[in-house]
Amino acid sequence: MAEQKKKKGPKTLLGIFDIIPEDFEGLEDLMNNVVKPIVEKEGGMVETFKIEPIAFGAKKIIARILLKEREGGTQPLEDAIASLEQVQRAECTMVSIIS
């Protein structure tokens, strides 16, 4: 008898995103009030985030975001975050399958 493979749903991914803001003040508010709702709308969840200095007073947000595997990978989420008026650039620097 041939074994039947169970169909599994999409895998859960962990992405590390660098988010470069337009302004370096109020970054926690930016994450909580602007970025988190966008991530949730795109089907993800912000696991944690931290604010890290870059140079000369500039800062970036490093966010650990859980999302389901889908067509286009992390690009749709990167594009959604980067399209925000308060965000200069968003880039997924690492992605890993966690389940």
C-alpha atoms as a PDB file:
ATOM      1  CA  MET A   1       0.000   0.000   0.000  1.00  0.00           C
ATOM      2  CA  ALA A   2       1.351   3.397  -0.947  1.00  0.00           C
ATOM      3  CA  GLU A   3       1.831   5.881   1.841  1.00  0.00           C
ATOM      4  CA  GLN A   4      -0.269   8.971   1.604  1.00  0.00           C
ATOM      5  CA  LYS A   5       1.513  12.181   2.418  1.00  0.00           C
ATOM      6  CA  LYS A   6      -0.424  14.679   4.436  1.00  0.00           C
ATOM      7  CA  LYS A   7      -0.656  18.091   2.858  1.00  0.00           C
ATOM      8  CA  LYS A   8       0.896  20.651   5.093  1.00  0.00           C
ATOM      9  CA  GLY A   9      -0.065  24.295   5.178  1.00  0.00           C
ATOM     10  CA  PRO A  10       2.333  27.146   4.590  1.00  0.00           C
ATOM     11  CA  LYS A  11       5.447  27.208   6.724  1.00  0.00           C
ATOM     12  CA  THR A  12       6.038  29.853   9.379  1.00  0.00           C
ATOM     13  CA  LEU A  13       8.982  32.108   8.659  1.00  0.00           C
ATOM     14  CA  LEU A  14      11.005  34.362  10.920  1.00  0.00           C
ATOM     15  CA  GLY A  15      12.313  37.431   9.157  1.00  0.00           C
ATOM     16  CA  ILE A  16      14.737  39.975  10.542  1.00  0.00           C
ATOM     17  CA  PHE A  17      13.872  43.377   9.094  1.00  0.00           C
ATOM     18  CA  ASP A  18      15.953  46.554   9.157  1.00  0.00           C
ATOM     19  CA  ILE A  19      13.636  49.555   9.126  1.00  0.00           C
ATOM     20  CA  ILE A  20      15.228  52.947   8.495  1.00  0.00           C
ATOM     21  CA  PRO A  21      12.904  55.763   9.613  1.00  0.00           C
ATOM     22  CA  GLU A  22      12.636  59.257   8.135  1.00  0.00           C
ATOM     23  CA  ASP A  23      12.874  60.780  11.634  1.00  0.00           C
ATOM     24  CA  PHE A  24      14.823  59.309  14.542  1.00  0.00           C
ATOM     25  CA  GLU A  25      12.432  60.471  17.289  1.00  0.00           C
ATOM     26  CA  GLY A  26       9.431  58.471  18.493  1.00  0.00           C
ATOM     27  CA  LEU A  27      10.592  55.164  17.067  1.00  0.00           C
ATOM     28  CA  GLU A  28       8.686  53.050  19.608  1.00  0.00           C
ATOM     29  CA  ASP A  29       5.479  54.883  18.663  1.00  0.00           C
ATOM     30  CA  LEU A  30       6.297  54.337  14.978  1.00  0.00           C
ATOM     31  CA  MET A  31       6.602  50.587  15.553  1.00  0.00           C
ATOM     32  CA  ASN A  32       3.564  50.226  17.811  1.00  0.00           C
ATOM     33  CA  ASN A  33       1.136  52.532  16.013  1.00  0.00           C
ATOM     34  CA  VAL A  34       2.199  52.385  12.361  1.00  0.00           C
ATOM     35  CA  VAL A  35       4.363  49.376  11.506  1.00  0.00           C
ATOM     36  CA  LYS A  36       2.666  46.690  13.660  1.00  0.00           C
ATOM     37  CA  PRO A  37      -0.783  47.269  12.101  1.00  0.00           C
ATOM     38  CA  ILE A  38       0.748  47.071   8.591  1.00  0.00           C
ATOM     39  CA  VAL A  39       2.506  43.803   9.491  1.00  0.00           C
ATOM     40  CA  GLU A  40      -0.736  42.367  10.899  1.00  0.00           C
ATOM     41  CA  LYS A  41      -2.661  43.455   7.784  1.00  0.00           C
ATOM     42  CA  GLU A  42      -0.091  41.547   5.699  1.00  0.00           C
ATOM     43  CA  GLY A  43      -0.624  38.423   7.837  1.00  0.00           C
ATOM     44  CA  GLY A  44       2.446  38.725  10.066  1.00  0.00           C
ATOM     45  CA  MET A  45       3.249  39.412  13.697  1.00  0.00           C
ATOM     46  CA  VAL A  46       6.018  41.532  15.198  1.00  0.00           C
ATOM     47  CA  GLU A  47       7.685  39.206  17.696  1.00  0.00           C
ATOM     48  CA  THR A  48      10.166  41.769  19.051  1.00  0.00           C
ATOM     49  CA  PHE A  49      11.932  44.906  17.949  1.00  0.00           C
ATOM     50  CA  LYS A  50      14.850  46.997  19.130  1.00  0.00           C
ATOM     51  CA  ILE A  51      16.207  50.383  18.253  1.00  0.00           C
ATOM     52  CA  GLU A  52      19.873  50.426  17.322  1.00  0.00           C
ATOM     53  CA  PRO A  53      22.143  53.402  16.656  1.00  0.00           C
ATOM     54  CA  ILE A  54      23.762  53.528  13.213  1.00  0.00           C
ATOM     55  CA  ALA A  55      25.992  56.632  13.187  1.00  0.00           C
ATOM     56  CA  PHE A  56      25.880  60.387  13.824  1.00  0.00           C
ATOM     57  CA  GLY A  57      22.593  60.189  15.753  1.00  0.00           C
ATOM     58  CA  ALA A  58      20.858  58.063  13.124  1.00  0.00           C
ATOM     59  CA  LYS A  59      18.975  54.991  14.335  1.00  0.00           C
ATOM     60  CA  LYS A  60      17.293  51.982  12.810  1.00  0.00           C
ATOM     61  CA  ILE A  61      14.694  49.535  13.999  1.00  0.00           C
ATOM     62  CA  ILE A  62      15.522  45.854  13.902  1.00  0.00           C
ATOM     63  CA  ALA A  63      12.277  43.859  13.969  1.00  0.00           C
ATOM     64  CA  ARG A  64      11.793  40.103  14.288  1.00  0.00           C
ATOM     65  CA  ILE A  65       8.637  39.367  12.313  1.00  0.00           C
ATOM     66  CA  LEU A  66       6.807  36.044  12.055  1.00  0.00           C
ATOM     67  CA  LEU A  67       4.952  35.472   8.809  1.00  0.00           C
ATOM     68  CA  LYS A  68       3.503  32.648   6.757  1.00  0.00           C
ATOM     69  CA  GLU A  69       5.318  31.436   3.662  1.00  0.00           C
ATOM     70  CA  ARG A  70       3.703  32.815   0.535  1.00  0.00           C
ATOM     71  CA  GLU A  71       4.242  33.819  -3.054  1.00  0.00           C
ATOM     72  CA  GLY A  72       6.775  36.638  -3.228  1.00  0.00           C
ATOM     73  CA  GLY A  73       8.457  35.719   0.054  1.00  0.00           C
ATOM     74  CA  THR A  74       9.149  38.726   2.269  1.00  0.00           C
ATOM     75  CA  GLN A  75       8.991  41.277  -0.571  1.00  0.00           C
ATOM     76  CA  PRO A  76       5.292  42.203  -0.161  1.00  0.00           C
ATOM     77  CA  LEU A  77       5.875  42.951   3.523  1.00  0.00           C
ATOM     78  CA  GLU A  78       9.068  44.913   2.792  1.00  0.00           C
ATOM     79  CA  ASP A  79       7.168  46.953   0.200  1.00  0.00           C
ATOM     80  CA  ALA A  80       4.236  47.591   2.570  1.00  0.00           C
ATOM     81  CA  ILE A  81       6.524  48.848   5.352  1.00  0.00           C
ATOM     82  CA  ALA A  82       8.694  50.901   2.977  1.00  0.00           C
ATOM     83  CA  SER A  83       5.602  52.577   1.514  1.00  0.00           C
ATOM     84  CA  LEU A  84       4.850  54.225   4.864  1.00  0.00           C
ATOM     85  CA  GLU A  85       5.453  57.959   4.931  1.00  0.00           C
ATOM     86  CA  GLN A  86       7.528  57.697   8.138  1.00  0.00           C
ATOM     87  CA  VAL A  87       9.809  54.981   6.739  1.00  0.00           C
ATOM     88  CA  GLN A  88      12.755  55.688   4.475  1.00  0.00           C
ATOM     89  CA  ARG A  89      13.615  52.037   3.749  1.00  0.00           C
ATOM     90  CA  ALA A  90      12.727  48.510   4.896  1.00  0.00           C
ATOM     91  CA  GLU A  91      14.752  45.425   4.111  1.00  0.00           C
ATOM     92  CA  CYS A  92      14.604  41.812   5.212  1.00  0.00           C
ATOM     93  CA  THR A  93      18.193  40.930   6.118  1.00  0.00           C
ATOM     94  CA  MET A  94      17.591  37.312   7.145  1.00  0.00           C
ATOM     95  CA  VAL A  95      14.781  34.799   6.856  1.00  0.00           C
ATOM     96  CA  SER A  96      14.498  31.337   8.347  1.00  0.00           C
ATOM     97  CA  ILE A  97      11.847  28.626   8.392  1.00  0.00           C
ATOM     98  CA  ILE A  98      10.823  27.938  11.984  1.00  0.00           C
ATOM     99  CA  SER A  99       7.968  25.467  11.471  1.00  0.00           C
END
